[in-house]
Structure formats: structure tokens, C-alpha cells
């Protein structure tokens, strides 16, 4: 039951029920899947890192979950089905980790089907993630003092900005339809103290519980970011020419490399012994996964491709067949795959929403050298367009293996401008930085945590 102290398990997986989104972007109720791993030592004194892929609609359990964020990883250089490798550096060394599959992706599923032509709504999506985070924290009060670190890849960067803004304004007219107030206030009462008698928890008080935003090759500023990176890519000899045989997520690879990664991921998720090692528990016993628990469940009709081969077949063989239209796992899904083209993605509003993140929490943004999909230096170009005066700093610093920082002006709510420093390390990697540089990434993150006393 919510609010009952279940203790803090070493590992846990489950589902959180989410309602239909009030803005129409998620027109059906559903269940969102999460997987938790406690920190290797002293978990009650460590932050909680919430990890998710982007897309929107790409499964975290088919992406970052398999790539160095936990104690074990898929061998991305081995053949499909090769034994797991112990992660050289795991996020669990420095934090508790909560992976979340977006609505109807990965192991998450919905009830009913979406109407044709519906559009993805960023706020509906952000509300789903906040509901999972605060439901989980409500059931694990021993993490009440844990600072929250949001780690999102690609579109996950925009999701972070939506989540932070929705949380800080949890009583606003935009937030009220999502009915998150009870969950937020239950967490805040434990993490901060009694609710003020004259109103809700302030954005300042809530912001003090946010430990940081970690953005892996993030998409944040809509078409302005895309236009800025087009010019930068055209001037970069390593990136300028797209070829049919090139993987734009990592220009060093052939176009078939992504399929090879998916084949490795599929083989891992289809193997019962492997999933037990990855999740730290027998996934087959998780409530909500079996056919009897999901009567009426459906997968989105807007899925652009087939499920990962072999994964659903493996679960069917162990747990039984599902109703037509349902599936145990789907790498890419979501009720609606089109991102709504509205002002929230465009300047100046997207910059203002990003400012609120930077005003309340430290920022860590990756700068991967061989990514044509998100070219991180374009973020500085967009900030320059909005007169936030970004300045890059690539000079070496003591005890820092990978240099990279930038500063920019953050307008605060009281009219004061603060100069913020963003960690901006360079990686010889493509879009999925952790796929090839997980150990370096976690090493940098550990140092950043130490610098910010997380």
C-alpha cells in the first residue's frame, strides 16, 4: 500500500498506473514500468538518479539500462547472446538508480488504443515520469533525504526540462489537471519538512532537493537547435557529409551498426538468466507482467517497426500468450510518436524553461564528437542567440581526465542574473555515449557528484 515502508531492497521492478493525459496526448490509461537498483554501499545516504532514454518513445530497458548504468552490461563488442560483462564503472557506485520505460515502450503498456493522428504531448509525458518517481519514493521513505538527479538521453533532455518545470509549478493551472499535488507534497513533507501553512511548497524549497540534471546528447530547443547544428555540422570535416552507408548516430560506423546493437539487446532481454542478472531479480515474478494481470492491455498502433526479435517469444514461452494487440516488450512505442509542434519547443519559451532548470540544479551535458543527430555545441549557439553569453572552456584542469565546461547567464525569478557553469565533457563517442564510453562517463559523473556534494 502507498505510504507503507517496504524497506529499501537491493533491487525492485514493477509498474505504476498512469491515467490518460488531460491534454489528449495520452488518451488511454496505462502502466509504466520501472526498475530500481540500490547503491552498492550506504544507499540511504546516496542520491537517486532517475534514468530514461528519449525518442520520444524509446525503451530505457532496451537502451541505457543495458549500457553501463547498472552493475552488469551487454557486451556491445561481442556477438548477440555473448555473456554479460561486469560494468567497469556502474552508477550504483555513486547512487541509487531508477530506470523508467516511457508509456507503451519497453515493458510499459496501455489499455485501449489511441485515435489516429493523435500527437505526443510533452507535459503529459513529463507527468507520467513524475508520477512514477514520487509513487516510488512514497513507498520507499528511506530515500526521503535522497537528492533527485534526472538523467535523460536525447529527447530525454527536453523531458528533464518539462519535469522540472512541472514539479516547481505543481500547483499551477498547467499542473493541476495531472493531480500530482498529493504525491509531491507527501515526498516534500519528508524531504523538506511540514508544508507551509500559508500555501504550497515553494519552488525554492523544492529546487533544493534537486541534485542535478545530466543530459546525454540532449535535444532541448526545438527547431532553433536543429538550425544551429546544421551550420556547425556543415563546417565540421568529420560530420559534414551524410552518406547512405553512414550511421548518423555515430558517423564512424556503418548504417547497419544500429541493427547489430539491437540484436545484442534483444538476445540479452530474451535470456531468462541474463535478465535476472541485469535486473537483480526474476523479472517473471513482477506483478503486472503476467497475462492475468493485464487483461485489456494494448500496444500503440503508432509503433514504427517490429518488436525486438525473440524477446516476446521468450516471455510467451515462460509466462503464456497475451491478447491480440499486446506485447511483453517493445523497443519503440508510445501512444503517439509525433512530437507536438508548439511554442514550448521554440525560443524564447524553451530557453526560459531551460533557465529554470539551471537556476535550481547543476547541469552536466555530454559533448560527443561523432554525433550528427544532436551536435552538442549547437546548445551554446542557441544560448548566444538568446543573449545568455555562453563561453566554452576546454582548458585542462587538475585531476580531470576529460576537459569541457561552459558558462552562461541565467536570469533568475527575482530579476538577478547568475553566471552558471555547466560541465560539458568531450567524448570520442556517438549519440549513445554510454554505449561505448560508459566507464568514462560514470568516472566524470562521480567527480561531478563529489564537486556538488551529492
Protein backbone atom coordinates (compact mmCIF):
# COMPACT_ATOMS: atom_id res chain seq x y z
CA UNK A 1 0.00 0.00 0.00
CA UNK A 2 1.20 3.55 -0.70
CA UNK A 3 2.97 5.12 2.24
CA UNK A 4 3.92 1.81 3.87
CA UNK A 5 7.65 1.47 4.46
CA UNK A 6 8.70 -1.57 2.44
CA UNK A 7 12.31 -1.16 3.38
CA UNK A 8 14.92 -0.50 0.74
CA UNK A 9 15.51 -3.56 -1.43
CA UNK A 10 18.73 -4.17 -3.31
CA UNK A 11 16.62 -4.44 -6.47
CA UNK A 12 12.98 -3.96 -7.37
CA UNK A 13 10.87 -3.78 -10.51
CA UNK A 14 7.21 -3.02 -11.01
CA UNK A 15 4.53 -0.93 -12.63
CA UNK A 16 2.84 2.33 -11.71
CA UNK A 17 -0.66 3.02 -13.03
CA UNK A 18 -0.91 6.26 -15.01
CA UNK A 19 -4.15 7.92 -16.13
CA UNK A 20 -5.00 9.23 -19.56
CA UNK A 21 -3.31 12.56 -20.20
CA UNK A 22 -5.65 15.54 -19.80
CA UNK A 23 -4.25 17.33 -22.87
CA UNK A 24 -5.06 14.39 -25.15
CA UNK A 25 -1.53 13.27 -25.90
CA UNK A 26 -2.05 10.06 -23.89
CA UNK A 27 -5.73 9.27 -24.44
CA UNK A 28 -5.65 5.91 -22.63
CA UNK A 29 -4.69 4.81 -19.15
CA UNK A 30 -1.64 2.64 -18.81
CA UNK A 31 1.05 1.10 -16.67
CA UNK A 32 4.62 2.41 -16.64
CA UNK A 33 7.44 0.04 -15.84
CA UNK A 34 10.36 0.87 -13.54
CA UNK A 35 13.46 -0.99 -12.37
CA UNK A 36 15.37 0.05 -9.25
CA UNK A 37 18.87 -0.77 -8.09
CA UNK A 38 20.12 0.41 -4.71
CA UNK A 39 23.56 1.95 -4.40
CA UNK A 40 26.32 -0.55 -3.72
CA UNK A 41 27.03 0.95 -0.27
CA UNK A 42 25.12 3.24 2.12
CA UNK A 43 22.11 3.67 -0.22
CA UNK A 44 20.15 5.80 2.23
CA UNK A 45 22.88 8.46 2.06
CA UNK A 46 23.14 8.46 -1.75
CA UNK A 47 21.15 10.45 -4.35
CA UNK A 48 18.52 8.84 -6.56
CA UNK A 49 19.37 9.01 -10.26
CA UNK A 50 16.30 8.68 -12.48
CA UNK A 51 17.39 7.32 -15.87
CA UNK A 52 15.49 7.38 -19.16
CA UNK A 53 16.02 7.25 -22.88
CA UNK A 54 14.38 9.71 -25.26
CA UNK A 55 12.76 9.24 -28.64
CA UNK A 56 10.18 10.17 -27.54
CA UNK A 57 9.12 6.57 -27.27
CA UNK A 58 12.42 4.66 -26.97
CA UNK A 59 12.61 1.99 -24.27
CA UNK A 60 15.03 2.68 -21.43
CA UNK A 61 15.23 -1.03 -20.64
CA UNK A 62 16.41 -1.60 -24.22
CA UNK A 63 18.87 1.29 -24.09
CA UNK A 64 20.60 2.93 -21.15
CA UNK A 65 19.61 0.10 -18.81
CA UNK A 66 21.87 -2.25 -20.79
CA UNK A 67 24.79 0.16 -21.23
CA UNK A 68 26.80 0.65 -18.07
CA UNK A 69 24.22 2.26 -15.80
CA UNK A 70 23.91 -0.88 -13.70
CA UNK A 71 26.32 -3.45 -12.26
CA UNK A 72 26.20 -5.53 -15.46
CA UNK A 73 26.05 -4.55 -19.13
CA UNK A 74 25.55 -6.11 -22.52
CA UNK A 75 28.86 -6.64 -24.32
CA UNK A 76 28.46 -4.19 -27.20
CA UNK A 77 31.51 -5.65 -28.95
CA UNK A 78 30.50 -9.28 -28.63
CA UNK A 79 28.17 -11.43 -30.65
CA UNK A 80 24.44 -11.44 -29.81
CA UNK A 81 23.97 -13.69 -26.81
CA UNK A 82 27.53 -13.25 -25.51
CA UNK A 83 27.81 -13.32 -21.70
CA UNK A 84 27.17 -10.09 -19.84
CA UNK A 85 30.17 -8.08 -18.73
CA UNK A 86 30.60 -6.56 -15.30
CA UNK A 87 30.40 -2.79 -15.76
CA UNK A 88 33.80 -1.16 -15.41
CA UNK A 89 32.06 1.69 -13.58
CA UNK A 90 28.41 1.43 -12.52
CA UNK A 91 26.13 4.27 -11.48
CA UNK A 92 25.34 2.17 -8.41
CA UNK A 93 28.84 3.03 -7.12
CA UNK A 94 27.64 6.59 -6.52
CA UNK A 95 23.85 6.50 -6.45
CA UNK A 96 20.59 4.63 -6.25
CA UNK A 97 19.28 4.18 -9.79
CA UNK A 98 15.69 4.16 -11.05
CA UNK A 99 15.18 3.27 -14.73
CA UNK A 100 11.80 4.12 -16.26
CA UNK A 101 10.26 2.97 -19.55
CA UNK A 102 8.09 5.66 -21.14
CA UNK A 103 4.42 4.94 -21.70
CA UNK A 104 3.90 1.94 -24.02
CA UNK A 105 7.64 1.43 -24.54
CA UNK A 106 9.78 -1.38 -23.22
CA UNK A 107 7.74 -3.28 -20.64
CA UNK A 108 5.20 -0.45 -20.17
CA UNK A 109 1.78 -0.94 -21.73
CA UNK A 110 -1.56 0.82 -22.14
CA UNK A 111 -5.22 -0.08 -22.11
CA UNK A 112 -7.21 0.64 -25.24
CA UNK A 113 -5.88 2.25 -28.41
CA UNK A 114 -5.09 5.80 -29.41
CA UNK A 115 -7.11 7.59 -32.08
CA UNK A 116 -5.49 8.06 -35.46
CA UNK A 117 -3.48 11.24 -35.81
CA UNK A 118 -3.05 11.97 -32.12
CA UNK A 119 0.03 13.90 -31.07
CA UNK A 120 2.61 13.40 -28.38
CA UNK A 121 2.29 15.97 -25.56
CA UNK A 122 5.47 16.75 -23.61
CA UNK A 123 3.63 17.72 -20.43
CA UNK A 124 1.57 14.52 -20.39
CA UNK A 125 4.80 12.57 -20.77
CA UNK A 126 6.59 14.53 -18.01
CA UNK A 127 3.65 13.98 -15.67
CA UNK A 128 3.88 10.21 -16.21
CA UNK A 129 7.52 10.23 -15.14
CA UNK A 130 6.91 12.42 -12.09
CA UNK A 131 4.05 10.14 -11.07
CA UNK A 132 6.35 7.11 -11.19
CA UNK A 133 9.18 8.86 -9.32
CA UNK A 134 7.01 10.15 -6.48
CA UNK A 135 4.92 6.99 -6.21
CA UNK A 136 8.15 5.03 -5.85
CA UNK A 137 9.53 7.48 -3.28
CA UNK A 138 6.25 7.38 -1.39
CA UNK A 139 6.64 3.64 -1.00
CA UNK A 140 10.32 3.92 0.00
CA UNK A 141 10.53 6.63 2.66
CA UNK A 142 14.11 5.60 3.48
CA UNK A 143 15.05 7.56 0.35
CA UNK A 144 13.35 10.71 1.63
CA UNK A 145 16.67 12.50 2.02
CA UNK A 146 17.97 11.43 -1.38
CA UNK A 147 18.51 14.30 -3.77
CA UNK A 148 16.98 13.73 -7.20
CA UNK A 149 19.23 13.63 -10.25
CA UNK A 150 17.46 13.40 -13.62
CA UNK A 151 19.47 11.65 -16.34
CA UNK A 152 17.93 11.83 -19.80
CA UNK A 153 19.28 11.00 -23.23
CA UNK A 154 18.36 12.80 -26.49
CA UNK A 155 14.66 13.81 -26.21
CA UNK A 156 15.15 12.93 -22.55
CA UNK A 157 16.85 16.33 -22.24
CA UNK A 158 13.63 18.08 -23.13
CA UNK A 159 11.75 15.70 -20.82
CA UNK A 160 14.00 16.82 -17.95
CA UNK A 161 13.10 20.47 -18.55
CA UNK A 162 9.40 19.58 -18.64
CA UNK A 163 9.64 17.52 -15.46
CA UNK A 164 11.50 20.21 -13.52
CA UNK A 165 9.14 22.99 -14.60
CA UNK A 166 6.05 20.90 -13.85
CA UNK A 167 7.41 19.98 -10.41
CA UNK A 168 8.39 23.52 -9.44
CA UNK A 169 4.94 24.75 -10.51
CA UNK A 170 3.00 21.75 -9.22
CA UNK A 171 0.01 23.89 -8.15
CA UNK A 172 -0.19 25.92 -11.38
CA UNK A 173 -3.10 25.76 -13.80
CA UNK A 174 -0.94 23.71 -16.17
CA UNK A 175 -0.06 21.18 -13.47
CA UNK A 176 -3.42 20.87 -11.70
CA UNK A 177 -5.07 18.57 -14.27
CA UNK A 178 -2.35 15.99 -13.65
CA UNK A 179 -3.28 15.70 -9.96
CA UNK A 180 0.31 15.31 -8.79
CA UNK A 181 -0.05 17.51 -5.71
CA UNK A 182 -0.66 14.74 -3.18
CA UNK A 183 2.33 12.73 -4.38
CA UNK A 184 4.65 15.75 -4.49
CA UNK A 185 3.59 17.00 -1.06
CA UNK A 186 3.94 13.59 0.57
CA UNK A 187 7.52 13.42 -0.69
CA UNK A 188 8.26 17.06 0.14
CA UNK A 189 6.92 16.71 3.69
CA UNK A 190 9.55 14.02 4.30
CA UNK A 191 12.37 15.59 2.29
CA UNK A 192 11.85 19.23 3.33
CA UNK A 193 9.58 19.36 6.36
CA UNK A 194 5.98 20.34 7.12
CA UNK A 195 4.01 22.06 4.40
CA UNK A 196 3.79 25.85 4.83
CA UNK A 197 0.52 26.87 6.46
CA UNK A 198 0.01 29.72 4.01
CA UNK A 199 0.37 27.81 0.74
CA UNK A 200 2.21 25.11 -1.22
CA UNK A 201 5.88 24.24 -1.06
CA UNK A 202 7.86 26.96 -2.80
CA UNK A 203 9.88 26.40 -5.97
CA UNK A 204 13.00 27.35 -3.98
CA UNK A 205 12.35 24.67 -1.34
CA UNK A 206 11.58 22.05 -3.98
CA UNK A 207 14.59 23.06 -6.05
CA UNK A 208 16.91 22.48 -3.11
CA UNK A 209 16.00 18.78 -3.28
CA UNK A 210 17.00 18.55 -6.95
CA UNK A 211 20.59 17.38 -7.11
CA UNK A 212 21.29 17.84 -10.80
CA UNK A 213 20.34 17.34 -14.43
CA UNK A 214 22.51 15.02 -16.52
CA UNK A 215 21.73 15.41 -20.21
CA UNK A 216 23.23 12.94 -22.67
CA UNK A 217 23.30 14.47 -26.17
CA UNK A 218 20.10 16.37 -25.37
CA UNK A 219 17.51 17.85 -27.68
CA UNK A 220 16.21 20.92 -25.84
CA UNK A 221 15.49 23.95 -28.04
CA UNK A 222 13.39 22.66 -30.93
CA UNK A 223 13.97 23.92 -34.46
CA UNK A 224 16.39 26.62 -33.25
CA UNK A 225 18.75 23.89 -32.06
CA UNK A 226 18.39 21.98 -35.34
CA UNK A 227 19.13 25.08 -37.42
CA UNK A 228 22.16 25.94 -35.30
CA UNK A 229 23.64 22.47 -35.60
CA UNK A 230 23.13 22.33 -39.37
CA UNK A 231 25.64 25.15 -39.82
CA UNK A 232 28.11 23.68 -37.35
CA UNK A 233 27.93 20.22 -38.91
CA UNK A 234 28.44 21.65 -42.40
CA UNK A 235 31.68 23.25 -41.21
CA UNK A 236 32.99 20.12 -39.47
CA UNK A 237 35.11 17.84 -41.70
CA UNK A 238 34.24 14.77 -39.60
CA UNK A 239 30.50 15.36 -39.83
CA UNK A 240 29.74 17.42 -42.91
CA UNK A 241 28.77 14.74 -45.45
CA UNK A 242 25.96 12.30 -44.72
CA UNK A 243 26.20 9.07 -46.73
CA UNK A 244 23.68 6.27 -47.23
CA UNK A 245 26.09 3.81 -45.61
CA UNK A 246 26.71 6.03 -42.56
CA UNK A 247 25.14 5.73 -39.13
CA UNK A 248 24.21 9.33 -38.31
CA UNK A 249 24.12 8.47 -34.61
CA UNK A 250 27.85 7.70 -34.88
CA UNK A 251 29.47 8.67 -38.17
CA UNK A 252 32.36 6.27 -37.60
CA UNK A 253 30.01 3.32 -38.01
CA UNK A 254 28.14 1.79 -40.92
CA UNK A 255 24.38 2.19 -41.21
CA UNK A 256 23.93 -1.44 -40.11
CA UNK A 257 25.68 -0.90 -36.76
CA UNK A 258 22.45 0.13 -35.01
CA UNK A 259 20.83 -3.16 -36.05
CA UNK A 260 23.76 -5.02 -34.53
CA UNK A 261 23.27 -3.16 -31.24
CA UNK A 262 19.56 -4.05 -31.27
CA UNK A 263 20.42 -7.70 -31.92
CA UNK A 264 22.68 -7.74 -28.84
CA UNK A 265 19.99 -6.05 -26.76
CA UNK A 266 17.33 -8.47 -27.97
CA UNK A 267 19.45 -11.51 -27.15
CA UNK A 268 20.05 -10.23 -23.63
CA UNK A 269 16.38 -9.47 -22.92
CA UNK A 270 15.25 -12.82 -24.34
CA UNK A 271 17.51 -14.78 -21.98
CA UNK A 272 15.95 -15.53 -18.59
CA UNK A 273 19.26 -15.94 -16.78
CA UNK A 274 20.60 -12.73 -18.29
CA UNK A 275 17.59 -10.62 -17.35
CA UNK A 276 17.75 -11.97 -13.79
CA UNK A 277 21.35 -10.77 -13.57
CA UNK A 278 20.61 -7.40 -15.16
CA UNK A 279 17.57 -6.62 -13.01
CA UNK A 280 18.89 -8.30 -9.87
CA UNK A 281 15.67 -10.31 -9.60
CA UNK A 282 13.48 -12.75 -11.53
CA UNK A 283 11.52 -10.43 -13.78
CA UNK A 284 8.89 -13.10 -14.45
CA UNK A 285 7.53 -12.66 -10.93
CA UNK A 286 6.90 -8.90 -11.18
CA UNK A 287 3.21 -8.09 -10.55
CA UNK A 288 1.57 -6.66 -13.65
CA UNK A 289 3.66 -8.57 -16.17
CA UNK A 290 1.71 -11.84 -16.48
CA UNK A 291 -1.30 -12.24 -18.81
CA UNK A 292 -3.81 -12.44 -15.97
CA UNK A 293 -2.62 -9.06 -14.67
CA UNK A 294 -3.05 -7.17 -17.94
CA UNK A 295 -6.43 -8.09 -19.38
CA UNK A 296 -7.40 -5.43 -21.92
CA UNK A 297 -3.81 -4.23 -22.40
CA UNK A 298 -2.79 -2.95 -25.80
CA UNK A 299 0.27 -1.63 -27.57
CA UNK A 300 0.14 1.59 -29.55
CA UNK A 301 -0.90 1.34 -33.22
CA UNK A 302 1.64 4.09 -33.96
CA UNK A 303 4.69 1.87 -33.42
CA UNK A 304 7.00 2.36 -36.43
CA UNK A 305 8.66 -1.06 -36.50
CA UNK A 306 8.55 -4.66 -35.26
CA UNK A 307 9.33 -5.70 -31.69
CA UNK A 308 12.85 -6.83 -30.85
CA UNK A 309 13.11 -10.32 -32.34
CA UNK A 310 12.88 -13.16 -29.86
CA UNK A 311 12.05 -11.14 -26.75
CA UNK A 312 8.28 -11.52 -26.81
CA UNK A 313 8.58 -15.14 -27.90
CA UNK A 314 10.78 -15.87 -24.89
CA UNK A 315 8.29 -14.33 -22.45
CA UNK A 316 5.36 -16.08 -24.13
CA UNK A 317 7.15 -19.40 -23.71
CA UNK A 318 7.63 -18.74 -19.99
CA UNK A 319 4.52 -16.77 -18.99
CA UNK A 320 1.92 -17.51 -21.66
CA UNK A 321 0.36 -15.77 -24.64
CA UNK A 322 -1.12 -12.27 -24.44
CA UNK A 323 -4.28 -10.86 -26.01
CA UNK A 324 -4.15 -9.66 -29.59
CA UNK A 325 -2.57 -6.21 -29.80
CA UNK A 326 -0.50 -6.62 -26.64
CA UNK A 327 3.20 -7.49 -26.28
CA UNK A 328 5.52 -8.08 -23.36
CA UNK A 329 8.19 -5.77 -24.75
CA UNK A 330 8.55 -3.21 -27.49
CA UNK A 331 11.72 -1.24 -28.13
CA UNK A 332 9.86 1.70 -29.68
CA UNK A 333 6.33 2.73 -28.87
CA UNK A 334 4.38 5.42 -27.12
CA UNK A 335 0.72 6.27 -27.60
CA UNK A 336 1.68 8.84 -30.23
CA UNK A 337 5.08 9.22 -31.82
CA UNK A 338 4.79 12.69 -33.27
CA UNK A 339 6.14 15.48 -31.11
CA UNK A 340 3.65 18.28 -30.85
CA UNK A 341 4.92 21.37 -32.70
CA UNK A 342 4.06 24.11 -30.25
CA UNK A 343 5.69 27.14 -28.70
CA UNK A 344 7.05 25.14 -25.75
CA UNK A 345 9.73 23.73 -28.06
CA UNK A 346 10.67 27.07 -29.56
CA UNK A 347 12.53 30.17 -28.46
CA UNK A 348 12.17 32.10 -26.27
CA UNK A 349 9.99 29.83 -24.12
CA UNK A 350 12.27 26.78 -24.40
CA UNK A 351 15.22 28.91 -23.25
CA UNK A 352 13.21 30.25 -20.31
CA UNK A 353 12.25 26.73 -19.27
CA UNK A 354 15.88 25.65 -19.54
CA UNK A 355 16.82 28.65 -17.37
CA UNK A 356 14.62 27.31 -14.57
CA UNK A 357 16.49 24.03 -14.63
CA UNK A 358 19.85 25.79 -14.50
CA UNK A 359 18.62 28.11 -11.74
CA UNK A 360 17.69 25.24 -9.43
CA UNK A 361 20.22 22.48 -10.12
CA UNK A 362 23.72 21.86 -11.51
CA UNK A 363 23.95 20.79 -15.17
CA UNK A 364 26.07 18.11 -16.84
CA UNK A 365 25.80 17.85 -20.65
CA UNK A 366 27.77 15.43 -22.82
CA UNK A 367 29.63 16.61 -25.93
CA UNK A 368 30.09 13.56 -28.16
CA UNK A 369 32.37 14.09 -31.12
CA UNK A 370 30.74 11.86 -33.76
CA UNK A 371 27.01 12.51 -33.33
CA UNK A 372 25.14 14.07 -36.29
CA UNK A 373 21.71 13.67 -34.67
CA UNK A 374 22.41 16.00 -31.74
CA UNK A 375 25.53 18.13 -32.13
CA UNK A 376 26.00 19.44 -28.60
CA UNK A 377 27.95 22.67 -29.45
CA UNK A 378 24.72 23.93 -31.04
CA UNK A 379 23.39 24.39 -27.49
CA UNK A 380 25.90 27.20 -26.99
CA UNK A 381 24.89 28.77 -30.29
CA UNK A 382 21.25 28.83 -29.22
CA UNK A 383 22.13 30.34 -25.86
CA UNK A 384 24.11 33.03 -27.72
CA UNK A 385 21.03 33.81 -29.83
CA UNK A 386 19.08 34.40 -26.62
CA UNK A 387 21.77 36.77 -25.27
CA UNK A 388 22.83 34.44 -22.46
CA UNK A 389 26.51 34.93 -23.40
CA UNK A 390 27.84 31.36 -23.30
CA UNK A 391 31.60 30.89 -23.06
CA UNK A 392 33.26 27.50 -23.65
CA UNK A 393 36.24 26.43 -21.56
CA UNK A 394 38.26 23.45 -22.81
CA UNK A 395 41.44 24.16 -20.89
CA UNK A 396 42.81 21.25 -18.84
CA UNK A 397 42.16 21.26 -15.10
CA UNK A 398 43.91 19.28 -12.37
CA UNK A 399 42.63 15.73 -11.87
CA UNK A 400 40.16 16.00 -14.76
CA UNK A 401 40.58 13.35 -17.47
CA UNK A 402 38.19 14.93 -19.97
CA UNK A 403 38.03 18.72 -20.01
CA UNK A 404 34.97 20.68 -21.04
CA UNK A 405 32.80 23.31 -19.39
CA UNK A 406 30.79 26.32 -20.42
CA UNK A 407 29.29 29.22 -18.54
CA UNK A 408 26.19 31.23 -19.37
CA UNK A 409 23.93 33.87 -17.84
CA UNK A 410 20.84 32.53 -16.09
CA UNK A 411 18.06 35.07 -15.46
CA UNK A 412 16.58 34.31 -12.03
CA UNK A 413 13.00 34.86 -10.97
CA UNK A 414 13.86 37.92 -8.89
CA UNK A 415 15.45 39.71 -11.85
CA UNK A 416 19.03 38.91 -10.86
CA UNK A 417 21.31 37.27 -13.43
CA UNK A 418 23.58 34.47 -12.21
CA UNK A 419 26.55 33.08 -14.09
CA UNK A 420 26.19 29.28 -14.17
CA UNK A 421 28.91 26.77 -15.02
CA UNK A 422 27.88 23.63 -16.91
CA UNK A 423 30.05 20.53 -17.06
CA UNK A 424 30.49 19.78 -20.78
CA UNK A 425 32.97 16.89 -21.16
CA UNK A 426 34.18 15.70 -24.54
CA UNK A 427 33.72 12.06 -25.57
CA UNK A 428 35.04 10.14 -28.55
CA UNK A 429 31.56 8.72 -29.00
CA UNK A 430 28.34 8.93 -30.92
CA UNK A 431 24.79 9.74 -29.81
CA UNK A 432 24.57 6.88 -27.30
CA UNK A 433 27.60 7.95 -25.28
CA UNK A 434 27.27 5.14 -22.75
CA UNK A 435 27.22 2.51 -25.48
CA UNK A 436 30.98 2.93 -25.95
CA UNK A 437 32.12 5.33 -23.18
CA UNK A 438 30.18 4.21 -20.11
CA UNK A 439 33.20 3.91 -17.81
CA UNK A 440 34.49 7.38 -18.74
CA UNK A 441 31.02 8.85 -18.35
CA UNK A 442 30.50 7.38 -14.86
CA UNK A 443 34.00 8.46 -13.85
CA UNK A 444 33.20 12.05 -14.87
CA UNK A 445 29.82 11.88 -13.18
CA UNK A 446 31.38 10.62 -9.94
CA UNK A 447 33.77 13.60 -9.89
CA UNK A 448 30.88 15.97 -10.64
CA UNK A 449 28.83 14.44 -7.82
CA UNK A 450 31.78 15.00 -5.49
CA UNK A 451 32.16 18.63 -6.60
CA UNK A 452 28.47 19.29 -5.88
CA UNK A 453 28.39 17.24 -2.66
CA UNK A 454 25.77 14.81 -3.92
